[in-house]
Protein backbone atom coordinates (compact mmCIF):
# COMPACT_ATOMS: atom_id res chain seq x y z
CA MET A 1 1.41 28.67 0.76
CA ASN A 2 3.38 26.61 3.24
CA MET A 3 5.53 24.42 0.67
CA ASN A 4 6.52 21.97 3.23
CA ILE A 5 5.27 18.69 2.83
CA GLY A 6 6.05 15.78 5.72
CA LEU A 7 6.65 12.06 4.60
CA VAL A 8 6.54 9.75 7.12
CA GLY A 9 8.05 6.69 5.94
CA PHE A 10 10.55 6.25 3.00
CA GLY A 11 9.98 2.68 1.87
CA VAL A 12 9.37 1.96 -1.56
CA MET A 13 5.67 4.12 -1.82
CA GLY A 14 7.33 6.94 -0.01
CA ALA A 15 10.40 7.12 -2.42
CA ALA A 16 8.42 6.82 -5.47
CA ILE A 17 6.28 9.82 -3.82
CA ALA A 18 9.00 11.91 -2.84
CA PRO A 19 10.41 12.83 -6.31
CA ARG A 20 7.31 13.42 -7.66
CA LEU A 21 6.59 16.75 -4.81
CA ILE A 22 10.07 18.05 -5.15
CA SER A 23 9.70 18.09 -9.13
CA ASN A 24 6.55 20.29 -8.52
CA GLY A 25 8.19 22.58 -6.33
CA TYR A 26 7.65 21.53 -2.76
CA SER A 27 9.86 20.63 0.12
CA VAL A 28 10.27 17.37 1.35
CA LEU A 29 10.62 16.45 4.89
CA VAL A 30 11.14 13.28 5.62
CA TYR A 31 10.75 10.76 8.52
CA ASP A 32 11.83 7.18 8.86
CA ILE A 33 12.87 4.91 11.79
CA SER A 34 15.56 3.83 9.64
CA ALA A 35 18.73 5.55 9.20
CA ASP A 36 19.79 3.86 5.30
CA ALA A 37 16.47 5.57 4.50
CA LEU A 38 16.59 8.66 5.66
CA VAL A 39 20.22 8.67 3.70
CA ARG A 40 18.15 7.48 0.52
CA ALA A 41 15.66 10.35 1.03
CA GLU A 42 18.59 13.04 1.45
CA THR A 43 20.24 11.91 -1.66
CA GLY A 44 17.11 12.36 -3.51
CA GLY A 45 16.49 16.47 -2.41
CA CYS A 46 14.63 15.92 0.87
CA THR A 47 15.10 17.00 4.34
CA ALA A 48 15.89 14.56 7.02
CA SER A 49 13.72 14.90 10.32
CA THR A 50 14.15 12.96 13.84
CA THR A 51 10.98 12.72 14.56
CA PRO A 52 7.21 12.99 13.14
CA PHE A 53 6.88 15.69 15.88
CA GLU A 54 9.51 17.61 13.91
CA VAL A 55 7.71 17.16 10.61
CA ALA A 56 4.70 18.14 11.85
CA ARG A 57 6.11 21.42 13.39
CA LYS A 58 7.39 22.41 9.83
CA ALA A 59 4.66 20.86 7.85
CA SER A 60 1.15 21.33 7.69
CA ILE A 61 0.41 18.96 5.14
CA ILE A 62 1.68 15.43 5.71
CA LEU A 63 1.59 12.46 4.18
CA ILE A 64 2.17 8.79 5.65
CA SER A 65 3.15 5.66 3.76
CA LEU A 66 3.90 2.82 6.74
CA PRO A 67 3.83 -0.95 6.69
CA LYS A 68 0.98 -2.23 9.36
CA PRO A 69 -1.97 -0.34 11.14
CA GLU A 70 0.06 -0.44 14.83
CA HIS A 71 2.93 1.84 12.91
CA VAL A 72 0.33 4.26 11.54
CA THR A 73 -1.26 4.66 15.21
CA SER A 74 2.25 5.14 16.59
CA VAL A 75 3.13 7.71 14.57
CA VAL A 76 -0.20 9.77 14.54
CA GLN A 77 -0.87 9.64 18.60
CA GLU A 78 1.47 7.72 20.42
CA GLY A 79 4.26 9.62 22.48
CA GLU A 80 5.63 12.88 22.56
CA GLY A 81 7.12 12.75 19.43
CA CYS A 82 3.96 12.29 17.75
CA LEU A 83 2.38 13.84 14.63
CA LEU A 84 -0.63 15.28 16.66
CA SER A 85 1.58 16.41 19.09
CA GLY A 86 3.50 18.95 16.84
CA THR A 87 0.55 19.98 14.45
CA THR A 88 -1.38 23.05 14.33
CA LYS A 89 -5.12 23.50 13.70
CA GLY A 90 -5.82 23.48 10.36
CA SER A 91 -2.98 20.78 9.26
CA VAL A 92 -4.38 17.82 7.17
CA ILE A 93 -2.52 14.31 7.99
CA ILE A 94 -3.16 11.99 4.89
CA ASP A 95 -2.41 8.38 5.46
CA THR A 96 -1.55 6.86 2.15
CA SER A 97 -1.00 3.40 3.91
CA THR A 98 -3.10 -0.01 3.57
CA VAL A 99 -4.34 -0.36 7.07
CA ASP A 100 -8.17 -1.13 8.46
CA PRO A 101 -11.09 1.31 8.56
CA GLN A 102 -10.99 1.34 12.42
CA THR A 103 -7.37 2.16 12.44
CA SER A 104 -8.31 5.68 10.33
CA GLN A 105 -11.48 6.20 12.14
CA ALA A 106 -9.82 6.21 15.50
CA ASN A 107 -6.88 8.51 14.51
CA ALA A 108 -9.18 10.96 12.68
CA LYS A 109 -11.55 11.09 15.94
CA ALA A 110 -8.17 11.94 17.58
CA ALA A 111 -6.94 14.62 14.83
CA GLU A 112 -10.47 15.78 15.24
CA GLU A 113 -9.97 16.70 18.86
CA VAL A 114 -7.12 19.18 18.16
CA GLY A 115 -8.30 20.71 15.15
CA VAL A 116 -6.67 18.51 12.73
CA GLY A 117 -8.06 17.15 9.25
CA TYR A 118 -7.42 13.24 8.90
CA LEU A 119 -7.77 11.72 5.10
CA ASP A 120 -7.18 7.66 4.73
CA CYS A 121 -6.25 7.66 1.13
CA PRO A 122 -4.79 4.68 0.34
CA VAL A 123 -2.97 3.86 -3.22
CA LEU A 124 -3.87 1.61 -6.05
CA GLY A 125 -0.81 1.00 -8.43
CA ARG A 126 2.03 -0.13 -8.76
CA PRO A 127 5.31 2.23 -7.23
CA VAL A 128 6.13 2.20 -10.66
CA ALA A 129 3.04 4.10 -12.22
CA CYS A 130 3.12 6.91 -9.51
CA GLY A 131 1.75 9.81 -11.16
CA ASN A 132 -0.98 7.60 -12.60
CA TRP A 133 -2.11 6.11 -9.39
CA THR A 134 -5.72 5.83 -7.90
CA LEU A 135 -6.63 7.34 -4.57
CA PRO A 136 -10.00 6.25 -3.05
CA THR A 137 -10.18 8.52 -0.30
CA GLY A 138 -11.77 8.36 3.13
CA GLY A 139 -12.51 11.93 5.06
CA ASP A 140 -14.47 14.97 4.95
CA ALA A 141 -13.95 16.88 1.61
CA LYS A 142 -13.21 20.03 2.73
CA TYR A 143 -9.82 18.63 3.79
CA ILE A 144 -9.34 16.91 0.61
CA ALA A 145 -9.71 20.47 -1.49
CA ILE A 146 -6.86 21.54 1.04
CA ALA A 147 -4.91 18.47 0.29
CA GLU A 148 -5.43 18.12 -3.66
CA PRO A 149 -2.72 20.16 -5.00
CA VAL A 150 -0.35 17.88 -3.38
CA LEU A 151 -1.93 14.55 -4.18
CA ASN A 152 -2.25 15.97 -7.51
CA THR A 153 1.38 15.53 -7.80
CA PHE A 154 1.47 11.57 -7.46
CA ALA A 155 -2.15 10.66 -8.38
CA ALA A 156 -4.35 10.50 -11.66
CA LYS A 157 -7.49 10.29 -9.86
CA ILE A 158 -8.75 11.39 -6.43
CA ILE A 159 -12.32 9.53 -5.47
CA HIS A 160 -13.91 11.03 -2.69
CA VAL A 161 -15.25 7.44 -1.56
CA GLY A 162 -16.97 8.88 1.72
CA PRO A 163 -16.32 9.00 5.50
CA SER A 164 -13.39 7.98 7.34
CA GLY A 165 -12.07 4.34 6.69
CA GLN A 166 -14.34 4.11 3.26
CA GLY A 167 -10.63 4.44 1.31
CA ASN A 168 -9.45 1.66 2.89
CA ALA A 169 -12.24 -0.69 2.95
CA ILE A 170 -11.56 -0.43 -0.84
CA LYS A 171 -8.26 -1.04 -0.97
CA LEU A 172 -9.03 -4.05 1.19
CA MET A 173 -10.80 -5.13 -1.06
CA ASN A 174 -9.21 -4.84 -4.51
CA ASN A 175 -6.05 -6.54 -2.61
CA LEU A 176 -8.64 -9.72 -1.92
CA MET A 177 -8.87 -9.69 -5.47
CA PHE A 178 -5.54 -9.60 -5.84
CA GLY A 179 -4.71 -12.22 -3.85
CA ALA A 180 -7.24 -14.65 -5.49
CA ILE A 181 -5.95 -14.03 -8.66
CA ASN A 182 -2.51 -14.69 -7.02
CA SER A 183 -3.34 -17.38 -5.83
CA ILE A 184 -5.08 -19.15 -8.69
CA THR A 185 -2.40 -18.22 -11.15
CA SER A 186 0.41 -19.84 -9.46
CA GLU A 187 -1.86 -22.78 -8.88
CA VAL A 188 -2.49 -23.44 -12.74
CA PHE A 189 0.93 -22.86 -13.50
CA ALA A 190 2.27 -25.65 -11.07
CA LEU A 191 -0.86 -27.75 -12.76
CA CYS A 192 1.13 -27.17 -16.14
CA GLU A 193 3.86 -28.64 -14.72
CA GLN A 194 2.30 -31.69 -13.47
CA ILE A 195 0.62 -32.72 -16.50
CA GLY A 196 3.25 -32.11 -19.05
CA ILE A 197 2.66 -28.75 -20.61
CA ASP A 198 5.15 -26.11 -20.90
CA PRO A 199 4.31 -23.08 -18.72
CA LYS A 200 5.83 -20.98 -20.86
CA GLN A 201 3.03 -22.56 -23.69
CA PHE A 202 0.12 -22.17 -21.33
CA PHE A 203 0.70 -18.12 -20.66
CA GLU A 204 1.42 -17.27 -24.36
CA THR A 205 -1.74 -19.50 -25.51
CA ILE A 206 -3.83 -17.75 -22.82
CA SER A 207 -2.45 -14.30 -22.38
CA THR A 208 -2.95 -13.64 -26.29
CA SER A 209 -6.28 -15.01 -26.29
CA GLY A 210 -9.02 -12.57 -25.51
CA ALA A 211 -10.14 -14.82 -22.61
CA GLY A 212 -12.41 -13.10 -20.04
CA THR A 213 -9.55 -14.55 -17.72
CA VAL A 214 -6.59 -12.72 -18.41
CA SER A 215 -5.90 -9.89 -16.08
CA LYS A 216 -3.05 -7.32 -16.45
CA LEU A 217 -2.31 -9.30 -12.97
CA PHE A 218 -1.96 -12.48 -14.97
CA GLN A 219 0.00 -10.76 -17.45
CA GLU A 220 2.63 -9.99 -14.78
CA LEU A 221 2.65 -12.82 -12.94
CA GLY A 222 2.87 -15.01 -15.51
CA PRO A 223 6.19 -14.22 -17.26
CA LYS A 224 7.68 -14.01 -13.42
CA ILE A 225 6.70 -17.66 -12.86
CA VAL A 226 7.77 -18.72 -16.27
CA ASN A 227 11.16 -17.38 -16.00
CA ASP A 228 11.77 -18.24 -12.05
CA ASP A 229 11.98 -14.34 -11.84
CA TYR A 230 11.03 -14.01 -8.31
CA SER A 231 12.15 -10.84 -7.37
CA THR A 232 9.97 -8.66 -5.52
CA ILE A 233 7.20 -6.53 -6.51
CA PHE A 234 4.78 -6.96 -4.04
CA SER A 235 6.01 -9.41 -1.55
CA ILE A 236 4.07 -12.49 -0.08
CA ASP A 237 4.46 -10.81 3.61
CA ASN A 238 2.32 -7.95 2.42
CA LEU A 239 -0.14 -10.02 0.49
CA GLN A 240 -0.73 -11.72 3.91
CA LYS A 241 -1.01 -8.59 5.81
CA ASP A 242 -3.67 -7.12 3.43
CA VAL A 243 -5.46 -10.19 2.93
CA GLY A 244 -5.62 -10.60 6.20
CA LEU A 245 -6.94 -6.50 7.04
CA GLY A 246 -9.59 -8.11 4.48
CA ILE A 247 -10.98 -10.91 6.28
CA SER A 248 -10.92 -9.15 9.51
CA MET A 249 -12.70 -6.62 8.11
CA ALA A 250 -15.15 -8.86 6.84
CA ARG A 251 -15.61 -11.00 10.04
CA LYS A 252 -16.41 -7.11 11.82
CA ASN A 253 -19.43 -6.96 9.37
CA GLY A 254 -20.70 -10.55 9.99
CA MET A 255 -19.50 -12.04 6.81
CA LYS A 256 -16.99 -15.22 6.16
CA LEU A 257 -14.96 -14.87 3.23
CA PRO A 258 -14.16 -18.73 1.79
CA ILE A 259 -12.10 -17.96 -1.09
CA SER A 260 -10.38 -15.64 0.43
CA GLN A 261 -9.09 -17.54 3.48
CA ALA A 262 -8.09 -20.44 1.32
CA GLY A 263 -5.86 -18.13 -0.81
CA GLN A 264 -4.55 -16.96 2.87
CA ASN A 265 -3.73 -20.14 3.50
CA LEU A 266 -1.47 -20.45 0.81
CA ASN A 267 0.34 -17.19 1.65
CA GLU A 268 0.78 -18.55 5.01
CA LEU A 269 2.55 -21.78 3.86
CA ALA A 270 4.60 -19.44 1.77
CA GLN A 271 5.77 -18.18 4.68
CA ALA A 272 6.04 -21.01 6.82
CA ALA A 273 8.70 -22.01 3.74
CA GLY A 274 10.60 -19.19 3.95
CA LEU A 275 9.35 -17.35 0.87
CA GLY A 276 8.06 -14.42 2.69
CA LYS A 277 10.30 -11.72 1.08
CA GLN A 278 9.45 -13.04 -2.41
CA ASP A 279 7.63 -11.69 -4.94
CA SER A 280 3.59 -13.21 -4.48
CA SER A 281 4.32 -15.11 -7.48
CA ALA A 282 6.51 -17.40 -5.61
CA ILE A 283 3.68 -19.08 -3.99
CA VAL A 284 4.08 -21.60 -7.05
CA LYS A 285 6.82 -22.97 -5.09
CA ILE A 286 4.78 -24.39 -2.41
CA PHE A 287 3.01 -26.34 -5.08
CA GLY A 288 6.78 -27.95 -5.88
CA LYS A 289 8.15 -25.76 -7.76
CA SER A 290 12.23 -25.84 -6.76
CA GLN A 291 13.09 -23.48 -3.64
């Protein structure tokens, strides 16, 4: 078995995946556009590569973890240095990024034409939960079987949800729900201050009540807002991107999403206020909390 695994993108998620691969005996070949990211990768025991092509020449299973659909498409199939220019027949490309179904379907078609498998395999779970992630996976089952030993190093569940793009669809719907919970949580904490209720008391009362409104996300966001701690776990910029992809997916299928669109309006107001790099909980600031 080829013990080389390619990893394109050494951001938050890629940096969480790499140590799990290494601890399971794989050699990890990393490409990232950032020189600093490559230094971090090498410090962590990975081998830096100069192009996606170089990664694909040395690894038959290649993971992708990139910010936006256009980044994924560029890496997979655009230019002489792309992955598909270097892959061999029977290789498998696994995209763990949060992108739209159409992007994965187009990349899967291009991969199929050269005998390469392609899976959309977005992550359900926070970076700190790497190892316990769920991966809703779209694509051909035969490629999942090939990739499964690698995926099992950083995920607890791999669920084949259908053809190419279906994994992406499930991830986007999950993040639409995230966006809605994030928006209403920020709104009610701002309302606490407006009507004279101590936000800390509100959180402690609700979070321990057993009420059906209490979610893990509420439990995470509440203390951040109470303590004015907007250090980033999941940024407003990323939330705006994902909700936008979800709204676009719905629109392409003939459906409007009024609740998601209302939340997206808040995301965009927060970006306009210069809060995009902060945690999603910082949306509370646009309701009047000091910046």
